[in-house]
Every structure is written in structure tokens, then in C-alpha cells.
C-alpha atoms as a PDB file:
ATOM      1  CA  MET A   1       9.466   7.013 -17.308  1.00  0.00           C
ATOM      2  CA  LYS A   2       9.104   3.711 -16.050  1.00  0.00           C
ATOM      3  CA  ALA A   3      10.891   0.104 -17.244  1.00  0.00           C
ATOM      4  CA  MET A   4      10.105  -3.478 -17.334  1.00  0.00           C
ATOM      5  CA  ILE A   5      13.087  -5.426 -17.122  1.00  0.00           C
ATOM      6  CA  LEU A   6      12.555  -9.480 -19.203  1.00  0.00           C
ATOM      7  CA  ALA A   7      14.460 -11.680 -16.793  1.00  0.00           C
ATOM      8  CA  ALA A   8      12.179 -14.900 -16.635  1.00  0.00           C
ATOM      9  CA  GLY A   9      13.506 -16.695 -19.131  1.00  0.00           C
ATOM     10  CA  LEU A  10      15.107 -20.672 -18.392  1.00  0.00           C
ATOM     11  CA  GLY A  11      18.725 -19.719 -19.460  1.00  0.00           C
ATOM     12  CA  THR A  12      18.837 -23.169 -20.917  1.00  0.00           C
ATOM     13  CA  ARG A  13      22.052 -21.691 -22.841  1.00  0.00           C
ATOM     14  CA  LEU A  14      23.506 -20.144 -20.116  1.00  0.00           C
ATOM     15  CA  ARG A  15      24.385 -23.479 -18.839  1.00  0.00           C
ATOM     16  CA  PRO A  16      26.216 -24.894 -16.326  1.00  0.00           C
ATOM     17  CA  LEU A  17      25.665 -20.826 -15.043  1.00  0.00           C
ATOM     18  CA  THR A  18      22.240 -21.124 -14.379  1.00  0.00           C
ATOM     19  CA  ASP A  19      22.456 -24.593 -12.722  1.00  0.00           C
ATOM     20  CA  ASP A  20      22.465 -22.993  -9.231  1.00  0.00           C
ATOM     21  CA  ARG A  21      20.162 -19.821 -10.219  1.00  0.00           C
ATOM     22  CA  PRO A  22      18.475 -17.055 -12.742  1.00  0.00           C
ATOM     23  CA  LYS A  23      19.743 -15.838 -16.096  1.00  0.00           C
ATOM     24  CA  ALA A  24      19.484 -12.907 -14.057  1.00  0.00           C
ATOM     25  CA  LEU A  25      21.297 -13.621 -11.333  1.00  0.00           C
ATOM     26  CA  VAL A  26      24.505 -14.146 -13.152  1.00  0.00           C
ATOM     27  CA  GLU A  27      27.716 -12.576 -12.555  1.00  0.00           C
ATOM     28  CA  VAL A  28      30.133 -10.393 -14.880  1.00  0.00           C
ATOM     29  CA  GLY A  29      32.998  -8.359 -13.717  1.00  0.00           C
ATOM     30  CA  GLY A  30      31.121  -9.382 -10.020  1.00  0.00           C
ATOM     31  CA  ARG A  31      28.473  -8.238 -10.862  1.00  0.00           C
ATOM     32  CA  THR A  32      24.585  -9.663 -12.095  1.00  0.00           C
ATOM     33  CA  LEU A  33      22.784  -9.190 -15.252  1.00  0.00           C
ATOM     34  CA  LEU A  34      20.215  -7.456 -12.890  1.00  0.00           C
ATOM     35  CA  GLU A  35      22.146  -5.121 -11.101  1.00  0.00           C
ATOM     36  CA  ILE A  36      23.974  -3.979 -14.503  1.00  0.00           C
ATOM     37  CA  ALA A  37      20.227  -3.344 -16.264  1.00  0.00           C
ATOM     38  CA  LEU A  38      19.096  -1.776 -13.328  1.00  0.00           C
ATOM     39  CA  THR A  39      21.976  -0.069 -12.645  1.00  0.00           C
ATOM     40  CA  ARG A  40      21.821   1.659 -17.073  1.00  0.00           C
ATOM     41  CA  LEU A  41      18.195   2.622 -16.183  1.00  0.00           C
ATOM     42  CA  ARG A  42      19.075   4.590 -13.143  1.00  0.00           C
ATOM     43  CA  ALA A  43      21.493   6.585 -14.757  1.00  0.00           C
ATOM     44  CA  PHE A  44      18.973   7.210 -17.553  1.00  0.00           C
ATOM     45  CA  GLY A  45      16.796   8.692 -14.457  1.00  0.00           C
ATOM     46  CA  ILE A  46      14.551   5.799 -13.968  1.00  0.00           C
ATOM     47  CA  ARG A  47      13.118   4.819 -10.690  1.00  0.00           C
ATOM     48  CA  GLU A  48      10.463   2.376 -11.306  1.00  0.00           C
ATOM     49  CA  VAL A  49      10.431  -0.784 -12.609  1.00  0.00           C
ATOM     50  CA  ILE A  50       8.589  -3.912 -13.104  1.00  0.00           C
ATOM     51  CA  VAL A  51      11.007  -7.382 -13.225  1.00  0.00           C
ATOM     52  CA  ASN A  52       9.350 -10.645 -14.653  1.00  0.00           C
ATOM     53  CA  THR A  53      10.605 -13.677 -12.884  1.00  0.00           C
ATOM     54  CA  HIS A  54      10.174 -17.153 -13.362  1.00  0.00           C
ATOM     55  CA  HIS A  55      13.049 -19.979 -13.350  1.00  0.00           C
ATOM     56  CA  TYR A  56      14.320 -18.735  -9.207  1.00  0.00           C
ATOM     57  CA  ALA A  57      12.099 -16.542  -8.862  1.00  0.00           C
ATOM     58  CA  ASP A  58      12.339 -17.029  -4.603  1.00  0.00           C
ATOM     59  CA  MET A  59      16.409 -15.802  -5.338  1.00  0.00           C
ATOM     60  CA  ILE A  60      15.648 -12.855  -6.964  1.00  0.00           C
ATOM     61  CA  LEU A  61      13.035 -11.258  -4.791  1.00  0.00           C
ATOM     62  CA  LYS A  62      15.832 -11.738  -1.884  1.00  0.00           C
ATOM     63  CA  TYR A  63      18.525 -10.372  -3.939  1.00  0.00           C
ATOM     64  CA  LEU A  64      16.837  -7.748  -4.541  1.00  0.00           C
ATOM     65  CA  GLU A  65      15.763  -7.092  -1.058  1.00  0.00           C
ATOM     66  CA  ALA A  66      18.910  -8.065   0.000  1.00  0.00           C
ATOM     67  CA  ASN A  67      20.379  -4.819  -2.286  1.00  0.00           C
ATOM     68  CA  ASP A  68      17.545  -1.724  -1.080  1.00  0.00           C
ATOM     69  CA  ASN A  69      16.240  -2.434  -4.833  1.00  0.00           C
ATOM     70  CA  PHE A  70      19.150  -0.768  -5.737  1.00  0.00           C
ATOM     71  CA  GLY A  71      17.417   2.276  -4.187  1.00  0.00           C
ATOM     72  CA  MET A  72      14.804   1.751  -6.790  1.00  0.00           C
ATOM     73  CA  ASN A  73      11.052   1.221  -6.288  1.00  0.00           C
ATOM     74  CA  ILE A  74      11.019  -2.634  -8.155  1.00  0.00           C
ATOM     75  CA  GLU A  75       7.943  -4.922  -8.554  1.00  0.00           C
ATOM     76  CA  ILE A  76       7.817  -7.919  -9.073  1.00  0.00           C
ATOM     77  CA  SER A  77       5.735  -9.851 -12.096  1.00  0.00           C
ATOM     78  CA  ARG A  78       5.677 -13.235 -11.062  1.00  0.00           C
ATOM     79  CA  GLU A  79       4.838 -16.037 -14.035  1.00  0.00           C
ATOM     80  CA  GLU A  80       3.987 -19.860 -12.671  1.00  0.00           C
ATOM     81  CA  ILE A  81       4.272 -20.242 -16.691  1.00  0.00           C
ATOM     82  CA  LEU A  82       6.425 -18.903 -18.618  1.00  0.00           C
ATOM     83  CA  LEU A  83       4.790 -16.162 -21.126  1.00  0.00           C
ATOM     84  CA  ASP A  84       7.691 -15.105 -23.277  1.00  0.00           C
ATOM     85  CA  THR A  85       8.518 -11.199 -24.167  1.00  0.00           C
ATOM     86  CA  GLY A  86       4.858 -10.785 -25.429  1.00  0.00           C
ATOM     87  CA  GLY A  87       2.473 -12.863 -22.592  1.00  0.00           C
ATOM     88  CA  GLY A  88       5.365 -11.450 -20.166  1.00  0.00           C
ATOM     89  CA  LEU A  89       4.805  -7.545 -20.624  1.00  0.00           C
ATOM     90  CA  LYS A  90       0.828  -7.854 -21.298  1.00  0.00           C
ATOM     91  CA  LYS A  91       0.489  -9.783 -18.201  1.00  0.00           C
ATOM     92  CA  ALA A  92       2.450  -6.870 -15.928  1.00  0.00           C
ATOM     93  CA  ALA A  93       0.630  -4.097 -18.442  1.00  0.00           C
ATOM     94  CA  HIS A  94      -0.943  -2.798 -15.079  1.00  0.00           C
ATOM     95  CA  PHE A  95       1.995  -1.372 -13.701  1.00  0.00           C
ATOM     96  CA  PHE A  96       2.615   0.997 -16.921  1.00  0.00           C
ATOM     97  CA  LEU A  97      -1.129   1.867 -17.066  1.00  0.00           C
ATOM     98  CA  GLU A  98      -1.959   2.712 -13.377  1.00  0.00           C
ATOM     99  CA  ASP A  99      -1.921   6.505 -13.233  1.00  0.00           C
ATOM    100  CA  SER A 100      -2.707   9.085 -16.062  1.00  0.00           C
ATOM    101  CA  VAL A 101       0.366  10.657 -16.100  1.00  0.00           C
ATOM    102  CA  GLY A 102       2.511   7.584 -16.486  1.00  0.00           C
ATOM    103  CA  SER A 103       0.134   6.151 -19.535  1.00  0.00           C
ATOM    104  CA  GLN A 104       1.126   8.956 -21.834  1.00  0.00           C
ATOM    105  CA  GLU A 105       4.617   8.423 -21.686  1.00  0.00           C
ATOM    106  CA  PRO A 106       6.597   5.570 -22.934  1.00  0.00           C
ATOM    107  CA  PHE A 107       8.472   3.264 -21.156  1.00  0.00           C
ATOM    108  CA  ILE A 108      11.595   0.696 -21.664  1.00  0.00           C
ATOM    109  CA  LEU A 109      11.356  -2.825 -22.583  1.00  0.00           C
ATOM    110  CA  HIS A 110      15.027  -4.003 -21.766  1.00  0.00           C
ATOM    111  CA  ASN A 111      16.219  -7.812 -21.717  1.00  0.00           C
ATOM    112  CA  VAL A 112      18.321  -8.758 -18.922  1.00  0.00           C
ATOM    113  CA  ASP A 113      20.527 -10.608 -20.805  1.00  0.00           C
ATOM    114  CA  VAL A 114      22.231  -8.137 -22.968  1.00  0.00           C
ATOM    115  CA  ILE A 115      24.545  -5.458 -22.235  1.00  0.00           C
ATOM    116  CA  SER A 116      25.226  -1.944 -24.192  1.00  0.00           C
ATOM    117  CA  THR A 117      25.845   1.387 -24.197  1.00  0.00           C
ATOM    118  CA  ILE A 118      23.461   2.544 -26.643  1.00  0.00           C
ATOM    119  CA  ASP A 119      21.580   5.695 -26.139  1.00  0.00           C
ATOM    120  CA  LEU A 120      18.663   5.831 -24.344  1.00  0.00           C
ATOM    121  CA  GLY A 121      17.952   9.562 -24.552  1.00  0.00           C
ATOM    122  CA  ARG A 122      18.650   9.639 -27.721  1.00  0.00           C
ATOM    123  CA  MET A 123      16.378   6.747 -28.660  1.00  0.00           C
ATOM    124  CA  THR A 124      13.683   8.316 -26.469  1.00  0.00           C
ATOM    125  CA  ARG A 125      14.282  11.837 -28.824  1.00  0.00           C
ATOM    126  CA  LEU A 126      13.162   9.522 -32.178  1.00  0.00           C
ATOM    127  CA  HIS A 127      10.746   7.936 -30.546  1.00  0.00           C
ATOM    128  CA  THR A 128       9.028  11.000 -29.738  1.00  0.00           C
ATOM    129  CA  GLU A 129      10.012  12.801 -32.824  1.00  0.00           C
ATOM    130  CA  GLN A 130       7.998   9.781 -34.663  1.00  0.00           C
ATOM    131  CA  ASP A 131       5.816  10.006 -32.786  1.00  0.00           C
ATOM    132  CA  ALA A 132       5.887   5.771 -32.752  1.00  0.00           C
ATOM    133  CA  LEU A 133       4.403   3.257 -31.079  1.00  0.00           C
ATOM    134  CA  ALA A 134       7.351   1.427 -31.097  1.00  0.00           C
ATOM    135  CA  THR A 135      10.974   1.998 -31.548  1.00  0.00           C
ATOM    136  CA  LEU A 136      13.201  -0.819 -31.162  1.00  0.00           C
ATOM    137  CA  ALA A 137      17.599  -0.253 -30.702  1.00  0.00           C
ATOM    138  CA  VAL A 138      18.866  -1.874 -33.785  1.00  0.00           C
ATOM    139  CA  GLN A 139      22.587  -2.770 -35.431  1.00  0.00           C
ATOM    140  CA  ASP A 140      23.788  -4.035 -38.840  1.00  0.00           C
ATOM    141  CA  ARG A 141      25.119  -7.373 -37.292  1.00  0.00           C
ATOM    142  CA  GLU A 142      25.022 -10.787 -38.128  1.00  0.00           C
ATOM    143  CA  THR A 143      22.322 -12.884 -36.349  1.00  0.00           C
ATOM    144  CA  SER A 144      19.979 -15.364 -36.626  1.00  0.00           C
ATOM    145  CA  ARG A 145      17.177 -13.241 -37.420  1.00  0.00           C
ATOM    146  CA  TYR A 146      16.573 -10.894 -38.914  1.00  0.00           C
ATOM    147  CA  LEU A 147      13.794  -7.712 -39.069  1.00  0.00           C
ATOM    148  CA  LEU A 148      13.649  -5.683 -42.687  1.00  0.00           C
ATOM    149  CA  PHE A 149      13.273  -1.856 -42.698  1.00  0.00           C
ATOM    150  CA  ASP A 150      11.711  -0.010 -44.800  1.00  0.00           C
ATOM    151  CA  GLU A 151      13.524   3.311 -46.257  1.00  0.00           C
ATOM    152  CA  HIS A 152      11.621   5.179 -43.395  1.00  0.00           C
ATOM    153  CA  GLY A 153      12.529   3.183 -41.380  1.00  0.00           C
ATOM    154  CA  LYS A 154       9.357   1.269 -40.315  1.00  0.00           C
ATOM    155  CA  LEU A 155       8.921  -2.340 -39.455  1.00  0.00           C
ATOM    156  CA  CYS A 156       8.209  -4.334 -42.484  1.00  0.00           C
ATOM    157  CA  GLY A 157       9.037  -8.044 -42.043  1.00  0.00           C
ATOM    158  CA  ARG A 158      11.551 -10.788 -40.765  1.00  0.00           C
ATOM    159  CA  ARG A 159      13.935 -13.031 -42.225  1.00  0.00           C
ATOM    160  CA  ALA A 160      15.696 -16.124 -40.638  1.00  0.00           C
ATOM    161  CA  GLY A 161      19.630 -15.303 -41.192  1.00  0.00           C
ATOM    162  CA  ARG A 162      21.002 -14.530 -44.627  1.00  0.00           C
ATOM    163  CA  ASP A 163      19.640 -16.423 -46.898  1.00  0.00           C
ATOM    164  CA  GLY A 164      16.449 -17.063 -45.292  1.00  0.00           C
ATOM    165  CA  SER A 165      12.813 -16.421 -47.428  1.00  0.00           C
ATOM    166  CA  ALA A 166      11.222 -12.806 -46.075  1.00  0.00           C
ATOM    167  CA  GLU A 167       7.934 -12.471 -44.459  1.00  0.00           C
ATOM    168  CA  MET A 168       6.532  -9.110 -45.547  1.00  0.00           C
ATOM    169  CA  VAL A 169       3.657  -7.944 -43.560  1.00  0.00           C
ATOM    170  CA  ARG A 170       4.234  -4.563 -45.572  1.00  0.00           C
ATOM    171  CA  SER A 171       5.608  -2.733 -49.468  1.00  0.00           C
ATOM    172  CA  ALA A 172       9.026  -1.477 -49.255  1.00  0.00           C
ATOM    173  CA  ARG A 173      11.094  -0.384 -51.849  1.00  0.00           C
ATOM    174  CA  GLN A 174      13.835  -1.694 -50.674  1.00  0.00           C
ATOM    175  CA  ALA A 175      14.200  -3.870 -46.986  1.00  0.00           C
ATOM    176  CA  GLN A 176      17.567  -3.723 -45.353  1.00  0.00           C
ATOM    177  CA  ALA A 177      18.133  -6.360 -42.265  1.00  0.00           C
ATOM    178  CA  LEU A 178      18.883  -5.553 -39.210  1.00  0.00           C
ATOM    179  CA  ALA A 179      19.542  -7.366 -36.002  1.00  0.00           C
ATOM    180  CA  PHE A 180      17.497  -6.292 -32.980  1.00  0.00           C
ATOM    181  CA  SER A 181      18.902  -5.147 -29.798  1.00  0.00           C
ATOM    182  CA  GLY A 182      16.151  -6.526 -27.194  1.00  0.00           C
ATOM    183  CA  ILE A 183      16.082  -2.984 -26.192  1.00  0.00           C
ATOM    184  CA  HIS A 184      12.362  -1.212 -26.708  1.00  0.00           C
ATOM    185  CA  LEU A 185      11.061   2.377 -26.245  1.00  0.00           C
ATOM    186  CA  VAL A 186       7.189   1.740 -25.990  1.00  0.00           C
ATOM    187  CA  SER A 187       4.649   3.843 -25.700  1.00  0.00           C
ATOM    188  CA  PRO A 188       1.529   3.116 -23.371  1.00  0.00           C
ATOM    189  CA  HIS A 189      -1.137   2.654 -26.222  1.00  0.00           C
ATOM    190  CA  LEU A 190       0.884  -0.646 -27.841  1.00  0.00           C
ATOM    191  CA  LEU A 191      -0.541  -2.440 -25.147  1.00  0.00           C
ATOM    192  CA  THR A 192      -4.281  -1.911 -25.395  1.00  0.00           C
ATOM    193  CA  LYS A 193      -3.266  -3.149 -29.107  1.00  0.00           C
ATOM    194  CA  MET A 194      -2.259  -6.029 -27.388  1.00  0.00           C
ATOM    195  CA  GLU A 195      -4.613  -8.825 -28.972  1.00  0.00           C
ATOM    196  CA  GLU A 196      -2.415 -12.019 -28.561  1.00  0.00           C
ATOM    197  CA  GLU A 197      -3.307 -14.187 -25.200  1.00  0.00           C
ATOM    198  CA  GLY A 198      -1.021 -16.801 -23.672  1.00  0.00           C
ATOM    199  CA  ALA A 199       2.469 -17.386 -23.984  1.00  0.00           C
ATOM    200  CA  PHE A 200       3.535 -15.093 -27.287  1.00  0.00           C
ATOM    201  CA  SER A 201       6.465 -12.780 -28.303  1.00  0.00           C
ATOM    202  CA  ILE A 202       6.132  -9.725 -28.778  1.00  0.00           C
ATOM    203  CA  ILE A 203       7.994  -9.465 -32.026  1.00  0.00           C
ATOM    204  CA  ALA A 204       4.749 -11.061 -33.195  1.00  0.00           C
ATOM    205  CA  ALA A 205       2.769  -8.406 -32.295  1.00  0.00           C
ATOM    206  CA  TYR A 206       5.080  -5.701 -34.300  1.00  0.00           C
ATOM    207  CA  MET A 207       4.294  -7.597 -37.148  1.00  0.00           C
ATOM    208  CA  ARG A 208       0.799  -7.726 -36.663  1.00  0.00           C
ATOM    209  CA  LEU A 209       0.538  -4.380 -35.897  1.00  0.00           C
ATOM    210  CA  ALA A 210       2.676  -3.335 -38.826  1.00  0.00           C
ATOM    211  CA  ALA A 211       0.934  -5.392 -41.283  1.00  0.00           C
ATOM    212  CA  GLN A 212      -2.108  -2.465 -39.472  1.00  0.00           C
ATOM    213  CA  GLY A 213      -0.342   0.268 -40.272  1.00  0.00           C
ATOM    214  CA  GLU A 214       1.704   0.992 -37.445  1.00  0.00           C
ATOM    215  CA  LYS A 215       4.410   2.858 -36.667  1.00  0.00           C
ATOM    216  CA  ILE A 216       7.489  -0.072 -35.191  1.00  0.00           C
ATOM    217  CA  VAL A 217      10.505   1.785 -35.766  1.00  0.00           C
ATOM    218  CA  ALA A 218      14.097   1.459 -35.795  1.00  0.00           C
ATOM    219  CA  PHE A 219      17.168   3.752 -33.597  1.00  0.00           C
ATOM    220  CA  ARG A 220      19.412   2.597 -35.252  1.00  0.00           C
ATOM    221  CA  ALA A 221      22.763   1.774 -32.692  1.00  0.00           C
ATOM    222  CA  ASP A 222      25.661   0.526 -34.794  1.00  0.00           C
ATOM    223  CA  GLU A 223      28.223   3.114 -33.109  1.00  0.00           C
ATOM    224  CA  TYR A 224      27.745   1.665 -29.498  1.00  0.00           C
ATOM    225  CA  TYR A 225      28.571  -1.110 -27.549  1.00  0.00           C
ATOM    226  CA  TRP A 226      26.205  -4.423 -27.406  1.00  0.00           C
ATOM    227  CA  ARG A 227      26.574  -7.762 -26.309  1.00  0.00           C
ATOM    228  CA  ASP A 228      24.234 -10.849 -25.760  1.00  0.00           C
ATOM    229  CA  LEU A 229      25.326 -12.892 -22.868  1.00  0.00           C
ATOM    230  CA  GLY A 230      23.119 -16.025 -23.768  1.00  0.00           C
ATOM    231  CA  ARG A 231      25.699 -17.996 -23.527  1.00  0.00           C
ATOM    232  CA  PRO A 232      29.483 -18.984 -21.579  1.00  0.00           C
ATOM    233  CA  GLU A 233      31.835 -17.921 -23.794  1.00  0.00           C
ATOM    234  CA  ASN A 234      29.976 -14.015 -24.116  1.00  0.00           C
ATOM    235  CA  VAL A 235      29.575 -13.720 -20.330  1.00  0.00           C
ATOM    236  CA  LEU A 236      33.748 -14.490 -20.270  1.00  0.00           C
ATOM    237  CA  GLN A 237      34.070 -12.052 -22.783  1.00  0.00           C
ATOM    238  CA  SER A 238      32.184  -9.605 -21.715  1.00  0.00           C
ATOM    239  CA  ALA A 239      34.453  -9.835 -18.665  1.00  0.00           C
ATOM    240  CA  ARG A 240      37.545  -9.182 -20.782  1.00  0.00           C
ATOM    241  CA  ASP A 241      35.716  -6.544 -22.579  1.00  0.00           C
ATOM    242  CA  MET A 242      35.205  -4.557 -18.802  1.00  0.00           C
ATOM    243  CA  GLU A 243      38.424  -5.085 -18.125  1.00  0.00           C
ATOM    244  CA  SER A 244      39.725  -3.952 -20.421  1.00  0.00           C
ATOM    245  CA  GLY A 245      37.678  -0.386 -20.707  1.00  0.00           C
ATOM    246  CA  LYS A 246      36.175  -1.609 -23.485  1.00  0.00           C
ATOM    247  CA  TYR A 247      33.098  -1.676 -21.898  1.00  0.00           C
ATOM    248  CA  SER A 248      31.472   0.050 -18.257  1.00  0.00           C
ATOM    249  CA  ALA A 249      28.827  -0.580 -16.232  1.00  0.00           C
ATOM    250  CA  THR A 250      29.287   1.918 -14.569  1.00  0.00           C
END
């Protein structure tokens, strides 16, 4: 199995920590976000990873070289202009479609600025059992943007905040609003179905494909530790969680 780490963002919410480095190299408990993400993937058995870069791209490249790619085969997808999550994945599509064997199995798409203990093995089994185009790790928690899933756990819409109006792409007897974790399991077939061009959010592609009947499904990850490290205060809290043993990055 292969993986992609989304690390090209400017990290504006993390300033001043990202004034002199990319968000991928922000440290938590003495380890960079990139190292933490790679370590999790390696523990799951993944050895081939592509990382997209933009902000301080050369710094990431030198960091990986200095650490011997953490014992993994790592490619860089450099974005001269930011392509967002969907455009970034589409630019890196060759990495997942370059051989007939690799193109048949799903791959992991992982934001660099989230840490978690989400069980990737369980997530993979659900993805396979559901024969899904994409499986999204989601939780029942507060967020500014919700994804809506029907009674069968299939994506059917989205909503801004608790009180925003729902944008439905499929009918559902009862839609549940859940928060996306930034961790996806994706079938390579998705790459051939991405009609969007340039910079675009992968969620927009998911919504369009769900409207066409494709299976974009939820993996409930409520029981696992998860934190978005998009803000300095979240980085500090994660460091405290490591010190207390609430979270381990190993």
C-alpha cells in the first residue's frame, strides 16, 4: 500500500511557528509533524509515500535527505502554485497509477497537520468490505464544516456549522453530521474520475461523485485520539498530551 501526505499548505493559522519553516516541520514534543505522520504510516507497513510541497519546499527536501527518508521510499510533488487537496492529489496521480499492481489497491491520503491513533487497519477492512471509492475517517465532534452521511454511512451532503443550511447531493431519510479528520482511504479508481481542473478541494470532488451514486463512506473514529494541529495552541496541547501519556507518537 502507498500513501500521500498533504503538506503543501502555507500554514497561516500556525503563525508565528511557520514564519521560518513549512508546517510539516513544526515540532511537537521534539518531533516534526512530518516525522510523526511518516512514523504512523511506516508502522502500518507503508514504505512508499509521496509528499506534496510548496511553502519552504526545499527545506522539506533537505530534511528528508538528512534523515534518509526515515527508511522509506519518498517522492516529492512540488506545487508552484497551491492546488488544494484535490488538485494536489490529481497532480500526484502518477505515483499511484504507475504499475498495474499498485493501481488495484487503495492508498492513504493523510493531512500532515493532524495526529491521531485512528486504526488504519480497521479503516482498510471497512473500505474493502464496502467496496468504496473513498472512506473518510469521521468523528462526532464540533467543527466549522460538517459532512453529512445517510443511514448507511454514505456521503449525502455537507453543512457549515451546526446551524448552517445543508447542501444535499443525495436524498437521505436521516442525515448525520460528522466532522472529517483529514485521513482518507482512497481507491485509485477515484483518480480517473476527477474531472475538476487546477486548484480544487477533494471534498468538492467527493460531493460530485456521491451525487452520481459513487460510494464515499464514513469510518467512525470516535474512540480514537485525534487533534488538528492547525493552530499554535493545539500544538501546545498536543505536546502536553504526549507528556501525560494521553497520546504517543511512536
